[in-house]
Amino acid sequence: MSDTVLDEIVSAVLRRLDIAPEAPGLEDAAREAADLRRAGGLRSLRSALAGPGAAVIAECKKASPSAGIIRADFDPVALALAFAEAGAAAISVVTEPDFFAGDPGSLAAVRAAVDLPVLRKDFVVSRRQLLETAVLGADAVLLIHRLLDPGVLADLLATAGELDLEVLLEIFADEDPGTAVVSGARIIGVNARDLETFEVRLDRVEAMALKLPTDRVRVAESGIHDVGTLARLAEAGYDAFLVGEHLVRADDPGEALRRLLGSETDPC
């Protein structure tokens, strides 16, 4: 079986980790950064997503392997501010550079500009990456269940807990969610995209909601382009929705989010 895009991305991540040495004092810097976030008041992703009504994690993403460049005039801070004003519950910043044209530095800039929880979305496979995530100032981090065996996942969840980084644990719609649930992760995302065909299967996402405990925050990811789709997934049992390309590609990203939330501005 040929490598999937996910395999290629992880290979690139591992090469970068191998080539670039760990920054001196990274462990101390990460713990100091965590202390600063605690002193300033932690921004809880779980609390932001668990409230009443539809909660959208609005994503700042310049490009993707399937779509290419999504927004040529990409400005993550301007996007984040527009999303915050339009009612986003949280902001996701994609930081992977080779396939998504991301920049870790943009996360720190977004975190300084908004008052919402900020999620680092990347391909995290090592403790070192979690330490770097803390230094960037993120409130939460994406972990992809498919990339991590149970022992590594347990270690990363423990490290994230030490750093007060909340975890959005992502599974794919064709996976058995059992080990993800057993891991104890409090926020579980279900990605509708098949990484071999790039097909989006919302029917599988709907079915997956029934397999996830109701004491977890359940997040639907990918393929959300209109208020009807969001309502359909909410009816299936999802608490929150991660939306990227649809918003970033829009002429007015803030207005696109308002429409998705059913609160578009009156044109009169």
Protein backbone atom coordinates (compact mmCIF):
# COMPACT_ATOMS: atom_id res chain seq x y z
CA MET A 1 0.00 0.00 0.00
CA SER A 2 1.41 3.39 -0.97
CA ASP A 3 2.09 6.09 1.58
CA THR A 4 -0.77 8.43 2.35
CA VAL A 5 -0.39 12.20 2.56
CA LEU A 6 -0.44 11.78 6.34
CA ASP A 7 2.56 9.44 6.10
CA GLU A 8 4.42 11.99 3.97
CA ILE A 9 3.67 14.80 6.42
CA VAL A 10 4.86 12.79 9.40
CA SER A 11 8.06 11.85 7.56
CA ALA A 12 8.73 15.54 6.96
CA VAL A 13 8.07 16.32 10.64
CA LEU A 14 10.49 13.62 11.76
CA ARG A 15 13.15 14.94 9.36
CA ARG A 16 12.79 18.44 10.76
CA LEU A 17 13.08 17.15 14.32
CA ASP A 18 16.17 15.17 13.38
CA ILE A 19 17.89 18.04 11.55
CA ALA A 20 17.16 20.87 13.97
CA PRO A 21 18.60 20.40 17.47
CA GLU A 22 16.42 20.99 20.50
CA ALA A 23 16.74 24.56 21.73
CA PRO A 24 18.88 24.86 24.89
CA GLY A 25 16.76 25.25 28.01
CA LEU A 26 13.54 24.25 26.23
CA GLU A 27 12.17 22.36 29.23
CA ASP A 28 12.63 25.34 31.56
CA ALA A 29 11.24 27.75 28.97
CA ALA A 30 8.12 25.60 28.52
CA ARG A 31 7.46 25.46 32.25
CA GLU A 32 8.01 29.21 32.59
CA ALA A 33 5.57 29.81 29.73
CA ALA A 34 3.01 27.57 31.44
CA ASP A 35 3.44 29.53 34.66
CA LEU A 36 2.84 32.79 32.77
CA ARG A 37 -0.38 31.45 31.28
CA ARG A 38 -1.56 30.33 34.70
CA ALA A 39 -0.74 33.73 36.17
CA GLY A 40 -2.67 35.47 33.41
CA GLY A 41 -5.67 33.15 33.74
CA LEU A 42 -5.94 29.94 31.76
CA ARG A 43 -8.14 29.96 28.66
CA SER A 44 -9.96 26.63 28.66
CA LEU A 45 -10.78 25.19 25.26
CA ARG A 46 -13.05 22.60 26.84
CA SER A 47 -15.08 25.23 28.69
CA ALA A 48 -15.33 27.36 25.55
CA LEU A 49 -16.72 24.44 23.56
CA ALA A 50 -18.98 22.87 26.17
CA GLY A 51 -21.43 25.74 26.60
CA PRO A 52 -24.89 25.96 25.06
CA GLY A 53 -25.29 26.49 21.33
CA ALA A 54 -22.97 25.76 18.43
CA ALA A 55 -19.32 26.43 19.22
CA VAL A 56 -16.98 26.96 16.27
CA ILE A 57 -13.21 26.64 16.37
CA ALA A 58 -12.29 28.96 13.51
CA GLU A 59 -9.06 27.98 11.82
CA CYS A 60 -6.28 30.14 10.42
CA LYS A 61 -4.84 28.03 7.60
CA LYS A 62 -3.03 29.36 4.54
CA ALA A 63 -2.86 26.17 2.48
CA SER A 64 -3.52 22.45 2.50
CA PRO A 65 -2.34 19.45 0.43
CA SER A 66 -5.78 19.05 -1.14
CA ALA A 67 -6.62 22.71 -1.78
CA GLY A 68 -3.24 24.35 -2.36
CA ILE A 69 -3.08 28.03 -1.37
CA ILE A 70 -6.41 28.91 0.20
CA ARG A 71 -5.84 32.61 0.75
CA ALA A 72 -3.03 34.47 -1.00
CA ASP A 73 -3.28 37.53 1.29
CA PHE A 74 -3.17 35.35 4.39
CA ASP A 75 -2.90 37.37 7.63
CA PRO A 76 -3.51 35.09 10.63
CA VAL A 77 -3.87 37.93 13.13
CA ALA A 78 -6.43 39.78 10.99
CA LEU A 79 -8.32 36.54 10.47
CA ALA A 80 -8.29 35.68 14.16
CA LEU A 81 -9.57 39.13 15.10
CA ALA A 82 -12.37 38.85 12.53
CA PHE A 83 -13.30 35.39 13.81
CA ALA A 84 -13.30 36.55 17.43
CA GLU A 85 -15.56 39.49 16.61
CA ALA A 86 -17.91 37.21 14.66
CA GLY A 87 -18.45 34.82 17.57
CA ALA A 88 -15.82 32.09 17.35
CA ALA A 89 -15.45 30.04 20.53
CA ALA A 90 -11.75 29.41 19.89
CA ILE A 91 -9.07 29.92 17.26
CA SER A 92 -7.00 27.17 15.64
CA VAL A 93 -3.66 28.05 14.05
CA VAL A 94 -2.09 25.57 11.63
CA THR A 95 1.69 25.73 12.09
CA GLU A 96 3.00 22.92 9.83
CA PRO A 97 5.27 24.63 7.25
CA ASP A 98 5.86 22.20 4.38
CA PHE A 99 2.35 21.08 3.46
CA PHE A 100 0.20 23.82 5.01
CA ALA A 101 2.49 26.88 4.67
CA GLY A 102 2.19 27.37 8.43
CA ASP A 103 4.47 29.34 10.73
CA PRO A 104 4.75 28.61 14.46
CA GLY A 105 5.43 32.29 15.11
CA SER A 106 1.97 33.17 13.86
CA LEU A 107 0.46 31.28 16.78
CA ALA A 108 2.17 33.51 19.32
CA ALA A 109 0.98 36.59 17.42
CA VAL A 110 -2.61 35.33 17.31
CA ARG A 111 -2.54 34.42 21.01
CA ALA A 112 -1.43 37.98 21.85
CA ALA A 113 -4.17 39.51 19.69
CA VAL A 114 -7.29 37.67 20.91
CA ASP A 115 -8.79 36.69 24.25
CA LEU A 116 -10.03 33.28 23.08
CA PRO A 117 -8.38 29.89 23.62
CA VAL A 118 -5.84 29.22 20.88
CA LEU A 119 -5.25 25.69 19.58
CA ARG A 120 -2.02 24.67 17.88
CA LYS A 121 -2.86 22.40 14.97
CA ASP A 122 0.16 20.48 13.77
CA PHE A 123 1.47 16.92 13.58
CA VAL A 124 2.77 16.34 17.09
CA VAL A 125 4.63 13.10 17.65
CA SER A 126 7.13 13.98 20.37
CA ARG A 127 7.40 15.51 23.82
CA ARG A 128 9.73 18.14 22.42
CA GLN A 129 6.94 19.46 20.19
CA LEU A 130 4.69 19.83 23.23
CA LEU A 131 7.38 21.83 25.01
CA GLU A 132 7.68 24.06 21.94
CA THR A 133 3.89 24.43 21.88
CA ALA A 134 3.91 25.68 25.45
CA VAL A 135 6.66 28.19 24.64
CA LEU A 136 4.55 29.53 21.75
CA GLY A 137 1.79 30.27 24.25
CA ALA A 138 -0.86 27.88 22.97
CA ASP A 139 -3.74 27.00 25.27
CA ALA A 140 -4.41 23.66 23.59
CA VAL A 141 -2.81 21.28 21.11
CA LEU A 142 -4.05 18.81 18.53
CA LEU A 143 -2.91 15.21 18.87
CA ILE A 144 -3.75 12.80 16.05
CA HIS A 145 -4.67 9.41 17.46
CA ARG A 146 -3.63 7.51 14.32
CA LEU A 147 -0.03 8.68 14.68
CA LEU A 148 0.50 7.57 18.27
CA ASP A 149 0.63 4.16 19.87
CA PRO A 150 -1.13 3.96 23.26
CA GLY A 151 2.06 4.33 25.30
CA VAL A 152 3.24 7.41 23.41
CA LEU A 153 -0.24 8.91 23.56
CA ALA A 154 -0.36 8.38 27.33
CA ASP A 155 3.02 10.07 27.74
CA LEU A 156 2.02 13.04 25.60
CA LEU A 157 -1.28 13.46 27.43
CA ALA A 158 0.61 13.42 30.75
CA THR A 159 3.11 16.02 29.51
CA ALA A 160 0.32 18.21 28.18
CA GLY A 161 -1.36 18.02 31.57
CA GLU A 162 1.84 19.11 33.33
CA LEU A 163 1.98 22.14 31.04
CA ASP A 164 -1.76 22.94 31.33
CA LEU A 165 -2.17 22.35 27.61
CA GLU A 166 -5.59 20.97 26.84
CA VAL A 167 -5.69 18.30 24.13
CA LEU A 168 -8.02 17.91 21.19
CA LEU A 169 -7.52 14.26 20.28
CA GLU A 170 -8.40 13.72 16.64
CA ILE A 171 -9.64 10.47 15.18
CA PHE A 172 -10.76 9.78 11.64
CA ALA A 173 -14.27 8.76 10.71
CA ASP A 174 -13.17 5.25 9.66
CA GLU A 175 -11.42 4.49 12.97
CA ASP A 176 -12.50 2.48 15.98
CA PRO A 177 -12.66 5.16 18.70
CA GLY A 178 -12.10 2.70 21.55
CA THR A 179 -8.50 3.49 22.46
CA ALA A 180 -9.09 7.22 22.01
CA VAL A 181 -11.90 7.05 24.52
CA VAL A 182 -9.90 4.86 26.92
CA SER A 183 -7.02 7.37 26.78
CA GLY A 184 -9.13 9.73 28.89
CA ALA A 185 -8.92 12.63 26.44
CA ARG A 186 -11.69 15.08 27.31
CA ILE A 187 -12.06 16.60 23.84
CA ILE A 188 -12.35 14.24 20.87
CA GLY A 189 -12.49 15.46 17.29
CA VAL A 190 -13.74 13.38 14.37
CA ASN A 191 -12.24 14.24 10.99
CA ALA A 192 -14.51 13.52 8.06
CA ARG A 193 -11.71 13.48 5.48
CA ASP A 194 -10.31 10.23 4.08
CA LEU A 195 -6.57 10.92 3.78
CA GLU A 196 -6.13 8.43 0.93
CA THR A 197 -8.92 9.75 -1.32
CA PHE A 198 -9.56 13.16 0.31
CA GLU A 199 -13.25 12.30 0.16
CA VAL A 200 -15.33 13.84 2.96
CA ARG A 201 -17.79 11.40 4.57
CA LEU A 202 -20.17 13.28 6.84
CA ASP A 203 -22.33 10.17 7.19
CA ARG A 204 -19.46 8.44 8.96
CA VAL A 205 -18.97 11.43 11.23
CA GLU A 206 -22.65 11.32 12.17
CA ALA A 207 -22.41 7.62 12.98
CA MET A 208 -19.26 8.14 15.06
CA ALA A 209 -21.06 10.52 17.42
CA LEU A 210 -23.05 7.58 18.79
CA LYS A 211 -19.81 5.80 19.74
CA LEU A 212 -18.38 8.66 21.79
CA PRO A 213 -19.29 9.14 25.46
CA THR A 214 -21.47 12.14 26.18
CA ASP A 215 -19.10 13.24 28.97
CA ARG A 216 -16.54 14.18 26.29
CA VAL A 217 -16.66 17.32 24.21
CA ARG A 218 -17.25 16.04 20.67
CA VAL A 219 -15.90 18.09 17.76
CA ALA A 220 -16.81 17.56 14.10
CA GLU A 221 -14.01 18.45 11.69
CA SER A 222 -13.84 18.98 7.89
CA GLY A 223 -16.55 19.40 5.28
CA ILE A 224 -18.59 22.06 7.09
CA HIS A 225 -19.61 24.70 4.55
CA ASP A 226 -23.06 25.90 5.55
CA VAL A 227 -25.45 26.27 8.45
CA GLY A 228 -27.42 23.20 7.32
CA THR A 229 -24.39 20.92 7.63
CA LEU A 230 -23.56 22.36 11.02
CA ALA A 231 -27.14 21.80 12.18
CA ARG A 232 -27.06 18.23 10.85
CA LEU A 233 -23.92 17.44 12.85
CA ALA A 234 -25.26 19.17 15.95
CA GLU A 235 -28.36 16.99 15.71
CA ALA A 236 -26.08 13.95 15.55
CA GLY A 237 -24.59 14.95 18.90
CA TYR A 238 -21.56 17.15 18.23
CA ASP A 239 -20.87 20.01 20.63
CA ALA A 240 -18.41 21.95 18.49
CA PHE A 241 -17.17 22.30 14.93
CA LEU A 242 -13.72 23.01 13.53
CA VAL A 243 -14.01 25.04 10.33
CA GLY A 244 -11.08 26.25 8.27
CA GLU A 245 -11.10 26.37 4.48
CA HIS A 246 -14.70 27.57 4.13
CA LEU A 247 -14.01 30.60 6.33
CA VAL A 248 -10.49 31.43 5.16
CA ARG A 249 -11.50 31.31 1.49
CA ALA A 250 -14.45 33.66 1.95
CA ASP A 251 -14.25 37.28 0.75
CA ASP A 252 -15.30 38.32 4.26
CA PRO A 253 -14.26 35.56 6.71
CA GLY A 254 -15.98 37.18 9.68
CA GLU A 255 -19.28 37.44 7.83
CA ALA A 256 -18.90 33.84 6.66
CA LEU A 257 -18.64 32.76 10.29
CA ARG A 258 -21.67 34.84 11.26
CA ARG A 259 -23.67 33.13 8.52
CA LEU A 260 -22.48 29.73 9.67
CA LEU A 261 -23.62 30.55 13.20
CA GLY A 262 -26.93 31.89 11.88
CA SER A 263 -26.20 35.44 12.98
CA GLU A 264 -25.40 37.21 9.70
CA THR A 265 -25.62 40.97 9.71
CA ASP A 266 -28.69 42.76 8.41
CA PRO A 267 -27.86 44.22 4.96
CA CYS A 268 -30.26 47.14 5.42
